[in-house]
Amino acid sequence: MRRVAAGFAALGIGRGDTIGLFLPNCPHYVFASYGAMLSGATVSHFSPPYTTGQRASAVAAIRTAHLRTHDPAQRSSTPPPVP
């Protein structure tokens, strides 16, 4: 989780920023959520059933600095590396 937090920091995301998580219940969710909190950012959770319009409205309303999504084609149980 510290690596994910460091990845967010490398992207310039930290205290005062909001990270939107558009993830199903999966290991990626845990890593992204706690990594975001460790980075000092605020976490906003988006429900996967949201429509495109609902997601766009929510992202605009909370001024999301970063939106983390899930690639269903990825079969790994570990989160992908964060640059």
N, C-alpha and C. Protein backbone atom coordinates (compact mmCIF):
# COMPACT_ATOMS: atom_id res chain seq x y z
N MET A 1 0.81 -1.18 0.00
CA MET A 1 0.00 0.00 0.00
C MET A 1 0.86 1.26 0.00
N ARG A 2 2.02 1.14 0.62
CA ARG A 2 2.93 2.29 0.60
C ARG A 2 3.43 2.56 -0.81
N ARG A 3 3.59 1.50 -1.60
CA ARG A 3 4.01 1.69 -2.99
C ARG A 3 2.93 2.41 -3.79
N VAL A 4 1.69 2.09 -3.54
CA VAL A 4 0.59 2.77 -4.22
C VAL A 4 0.55 4.23 -3.79
N ALA A 5 0.72 4.48 -2.48
CA ALA A 5 0.75 5.86 -1.99
C ALA A 5 1.90 6.62 -2.64
N ALA A 6 3.05 5.98 -2.76
CA ALA A 6 4.20 6.62 -3.41
C ALA A 6 3.91 6.89 -4.88
N GLY A 7 3.18 5.98 -5.52
CA GLY A 7 2.79 6.18 -6.92
C GLY A 7 1.88 7.38 -7.08
N PHE A 8 0.92 7.53 -6.17
CA PHE A 8 0.05 8.70 -6.21
C PHE A 8 0.87 9.97 -5.99
N ALA A 9 1.79 9.92 -5.05
CA ALA A 9 2.64 11.09 -4.77
C ALA A 9 3.48 11.44 -6.00
N ALA A 10 3.99 10.43 -6.71
CA ALA A 10 4.78 10.67 -7.92
C ALA A 10 3.94 11.34 -9.01
N LEU A 11 2.63 11.12 -8.97
CA LEU A 11 1.72 11.76 -9.92
C LEU A 11 1.33 13.17 -9.45
N GLY A 12 1.85 13.56 -8.28
CA GLY A 12 1.53 14.88 -7.75
C GLY A 12 0.24 14.92 -6.97
N ILE A 13 -0.24 13.75 -6.56
CA ILE A 13 -1.50 13.66 -5.82
C ILE A 13 -1.20 13.46 -4.35
N GLY A 14 -1.84 14.26 -3.50
CA GLY A 14 -1.63 14.16 -2.07
C GLY A 14 -2.67 14.94 -1.31
N ARG A 15 -2.28 15.47 -0.17
CA ARG A 15 -3.18 16.20 0.71
C ARG A 15 -3.89 17.31 -0.07
N GLY A 16 -5.21 17.36 0.05
CA GLY A 16 -6.01 18.37 -0.63
C GLY A 16 -6.59 17.89 -1.96
N ASP A 17 -6.10 16.76 -2.48
CA ASP A 17 -6.63 16.21 -3.73
C ASP A 17 -7.67 15.14 -3.43
N THR A 18 -8.53 14.89 -4.41
CA THR A 18 -9.53 13.83 -4.29
C THR A 18 -9.27 12.78 -5.35
N ILE A 19 -9.23 11.53 -4.90
CA ILE A 19 -9.06 10.40 -5.81
C ILE A 19 -10.39 9.68 -5.88
N GLY A 20 -10.91 9.50 -7.09
CA GLY A 20 -12.15 8.78 -7.29
C GLY A 20 -11.86 7.32 -7.59
N LEU A 21 -12.50 6.42 -6.88
CA LEU A 21 -12.32 4.98 -7.11
C LEU A 21 -13.58 4.43 -7.76
N PHE A 22 -13.43 4.01 -8.99
CA PHE A 22 -14.52 3.38 -9.74
C PHE A 22 -14.12 1.93 -9.89
N LEU A 23 -14.28 1.18 -8.80
CA LEU A 23 -13.80 -0.20 -8.75
C LEU A 23 -14.86 -1.12 -8.15
N PRO A 24 -14.91 -2.37 -8.62
CA PRO A 24 -15.76 -3.36 -7.96
C PRO A 24 -15.05 -3.85 -6.70
N ASN A 25 -15.69 -4.73 -5.95
CA ASN A 25 -15.04 -5.34 -4.79
C ASN A 25 -13.96 -6.29 -5.30
N CYS A 26 -12.71 -5.86 -5.19
CA CYS A 26 -11.58 -6.65 -5.69
C CYS A 26 -10.34 -6.22 -4.92
N PRO A 27 -9.23 -6.96 -5.04
CA PRO A 27 -8.00 -6.57 -4.34
C PRO A 27 -7.52 -5.16 -4.72
N HIS A 28 -7.72 -4.76 -5.95
CA HIS A 28 -7.29 -3.44 -6.40
C HIS A 28 -7.94 -2.34 -5.56
N TYR A 29 -9.20 -2.57 -5.19
CA TYR A 29 -9.94 -1.59 -4.41
C TYR A 29 -9.25 -1.33 -3.07
N VAL A 30 -8.85 -2.39 -2.40
CA VAL A 30 -8.21 -2.26 -1.09
C VAL A 30 -6.90 -1.48 -1.22
N PHE A 31 -6.06 -1.88 -2.18
CA PHE A 31 -4.78 -1.21 -2.37
C PHE A 31 -4.97 0.26 -2.73
N ALA A 32 -5.87 0.54 -3.67
CA ALA A 32 -6.09 1.92 -4.11
C ALA A 32 -6.66 2.77 -2.99
N SER A 33 -7.62 2.25 -2.24
CA SER A 33 -8.27 3.01 -1.18
C SER A 33 -7.28 3.36 -0.07
N TYR A 34 -6.58 2.36 0.45
CA TYR A 34 -5.63 2.62 1.53
C TYR A 34 -4.41 3.38 1.03
N GLY A 35 -3.96 3.12 -0.18
CA GLY A 35 -2.85 3.87 -0.75
C GLY A 35 -3.19 5.34 -0.88
N ALA A 36 -4.41 5.63 -1.31
CA ALA A 36 -4.86 7.02 -1.44
C ALA A 36 -4.89 7.70 -0.07
N MET A 37 -5.41 7.00 0.92
CA MET A 37 -5.47 7.58 2.25
C MET A 37 -4.08 7.82 2.82
N LEU A 38 -3.16 6.88 2.57
CA LEU A 38 -1.79 7.05 3.04
C LEU A 38 -1.11 8.24 2.36
N SER A 39 -1.51 8.53 1.13
CA SER A 39 -0.92 9.67 0.42
C SER A 39 -1.45 10.99 0.93
N GLY A 40 -2.49 10.95 1.75
CA GLY A 40 -3.10 12.16 2.29
C GLY A 40 -4.29 12.65 1.49
N ALA A 41 -4.57 12.00 0.39
CA ALA A 41 -5.69 12.41 -0.46
C ALA A 41 -7.02 11.96 0.15
N THR A 42 -8.08 12.62 -0.29
CA THR A 42 -9.44 12.23 0.07
C THR A 42 -9.92 11.21 -0.94
N VAL A 43 -10.63 10.19 -0.48
CA VAL A 43 -11.11 9.14 -1.38
C VAL A 43 -12.62 9.31 -1.58
N SER A 44 -13.03 9.26 -2.84
CA SER A 44 -14.44 9.28 -3.18
C SER A 44 -14.74 8.00 -3.94
N HIS A 45 -15.79 7.31 -3.52
CA HIS A 45 -16.12 6.01 -4.10
C HIS A 45 -17.25 6.16 -5.11
N PHE A 46 -17.06 5.57 -6.28
CA PHE A 46 -18.07 5.58 -7.34
C PHE A 46 -18.60 4.17 -7.51
N SER A 47 -19.89 4.03 -7.58
CA SER A 47 -20.51 2.72 -7.75
C SER A 47 -20.37 2.25 -9.19
N PRO A 48 -19.92 1.01 -9.41
CA PRO A 48 -19.80 0.50 -10.78
C PRO A 48 -21.08 0.58 -11.61
N PRO A 49 -22.28 0.46 -11.00
CA PRO A 49 -23.49 0.60 -11.83
C PRO A 49 -23.80 2.02 -12.30
N TYR A 50 -23.03 3.04 -11.86
CA TYR A 50 -23.27 4.40 -12.32
C TYR A 50 -23.25 4.45 -13.84
N THR A 51 -24.12 5.27 -14.39
CA THR A 51 -24.10 5.49 -15.84
C THR A 51 -22.95 6.45 -16.16
N THR A 52 -22.63 6.59 -17.41
CA THR A 52 -21.57 7.51 -17.82
C THR A 52 -21.89 8.93 -17.37
N GLY A 53 -23.14 9.33 -17.51
CA GLY A 53 -23.55 10.67 -17.09
C GLY A 53 -23.42 10.88 -15.59
N GLN A 54 -23.79 9.87 -14.81
CA GLN A 54 -23.67 9.98 -13.36
C GLN A 54 -22.20 10.09 -12.94
N ARG A 55 -21.34 9.31 -13.59
CA ARG A 55 -19.91 9.38 -13.28
C ARG A 55 -19.36 10.76 -13.61
N ALA A 56 -19.70 11.27 -14.80
CA ALA A 56 -19.21 12.59 -15.23
C ALA A 56 -19.66 13.68 -14.27
N SER A 57 -20.91 13.63 -13.84
CA SER A 57 -21.43 14.62 -12.90
C SER A 57 -20.70 14.55 -11.56
N ALA A 58 -20.49 13.33 -11.07
CA ALA A 58 -19.82 13.15 -9.78
C ALA A 58 -18.37 13.62 -9.84
N VAL A 59 -17.66 13.28 -10.91
CA VAL A 59 -16.26 13.70 -11.07
C VAL A 59 -16.17 15.22 -11.08
N ALA A 60 -17.06 15.87 -11.80
CA ALA A 60 -17.06 17.33 -11.87
C ALA A 60 -17.43 17.96 -10.53
N ALA A 61 -18.39 17.38 -9.84
CA ALA A 61 -18.87 17.95 -8.58
C ALA A 61 -17.82 17.90 -7.48
N ILE A 62 -17.04 16.84 -7.44
CA ILE A 62 -16.06 16.71 -6.35
C ILE A 62 -14.65 17.08 -6.78
N ARG A 63 -14.50 17.50 -8.03
CA ARG A 63 -13.19 17.92 -8.55
C ARG A 63 -12.14 16.83 -8.37
N THR A 64 -12.41 15.68 -8.91
CA THR A 64 -11.53 14.53 -8.79
C THR A 64 -10.20 14.80 -9.50
N ALA A 65 -9.09 14.61 -8.77
CA ALA A 65 -7.76 14.80 -9.35
C ALA A 65 -7.32 13.57 -10.13
N HIS A 66 -7.84 12.41 -9.73
CA HIS A 66 -7.42 11.14 -10.35
C HIS A 66 -8.58 10.17 -10.22
N LEU A 67 -8.86 9.44 -11.27
CA LEU A 67 -9.91 8.42 -11.23
C LEU A 67 -9.27 7.07 -11.49
N ARG A 68 -9.40 6.18 -10.54
CA ARG A 68 -8.82 4.85 -10.64
C ARG A 68 -9.92 3.89 -11.05
N THR A 69 -9.70 3.15 -12.14
CA THR A 69 -10.69 2.19 -12.63
C THR A 69 -10.08 0.81 -12.67
N HIS A 70 -10.88 -0.16 -13.07
CA HIS A 70 -10.46 -1.56 -13.10
C HIS A 70 -10.51 -2.07 -14.53
N ASP A 71 -9.48 -2.78 -14.93
CA ASP A 71 -9.44 -3.42 -16.25
C ASP A 71 -9.88 -4.86 -16.06
N PRO A 72 -11.12 -5.20 -16.45
CA PRO A 72 -11.61 -6.57 -16.23
C PRO A 72 -10.81 -7.62 -17.00
N ALA A 73 -10.04 -7.23 -17.99
CA ALA A 73 -9.23 -8.19 -18.75
C ALA A 73 -8.03 -8.64 -17.94
N GLN A 74 -7.65 -7.87 -16.94
CA GLN A 74 -6.49 -8.22 -16.12
C GLN A 74 -6.90 -9.28 -15.12
N ARG A 75 -6.22 -10.40 -15.12
CA ARG A 75 -6.60 -11.52 -14.25
C ARG A 75 -5.72 -11.65 -13.02
N SER A 76 -4.77 -10.77 -12.83
CA SER A 76 -3.84 -10.85 -11.73
C SER A 76 -4.53 -10.51 -10.41
N SER A 77 -4.09 -11.13 -9.31
CA SER A 77 -4.66 -10.80 -8.01
C SER A 77 -3.88 -9.68 -7.34
N THR A 78 -2.83 -9.20 -7.98
CA THR A 78 -2.08 -8.09 -7.43
C THR A 78 -2.39 -6.84 -8.23
N PRO A 79 -2.36 -5.69 -7.60
CA PRO A 79 -2.68 -4.47 -8.34
C PRO A 79 -1.60 -4.15 -9.36
N PRO A 80 -1.96 -3.51 -10.44
CA PRO A 80 -0.96 -3.14 -11.43
C PRO A 80 -0.02 -2.09 -10.87
N PRO A 81 1.20 -2.02 -11.39
CA PRO A 81 2.14 -1.03 -10.86
C PRO A 81 1.65 0.39 -11.13
N VAL A 82 1.92 1.25 -10.17
CA VAL A 82 1.57 2.66 -10.30
C VAL A 82 2.84 3.41 -10.63
N PRO A 83 2.86 4.19 -11.71
CA PRO A 83 4.11 4.89 -12.06
C PRO A 83 4.53 5.87 -11.01
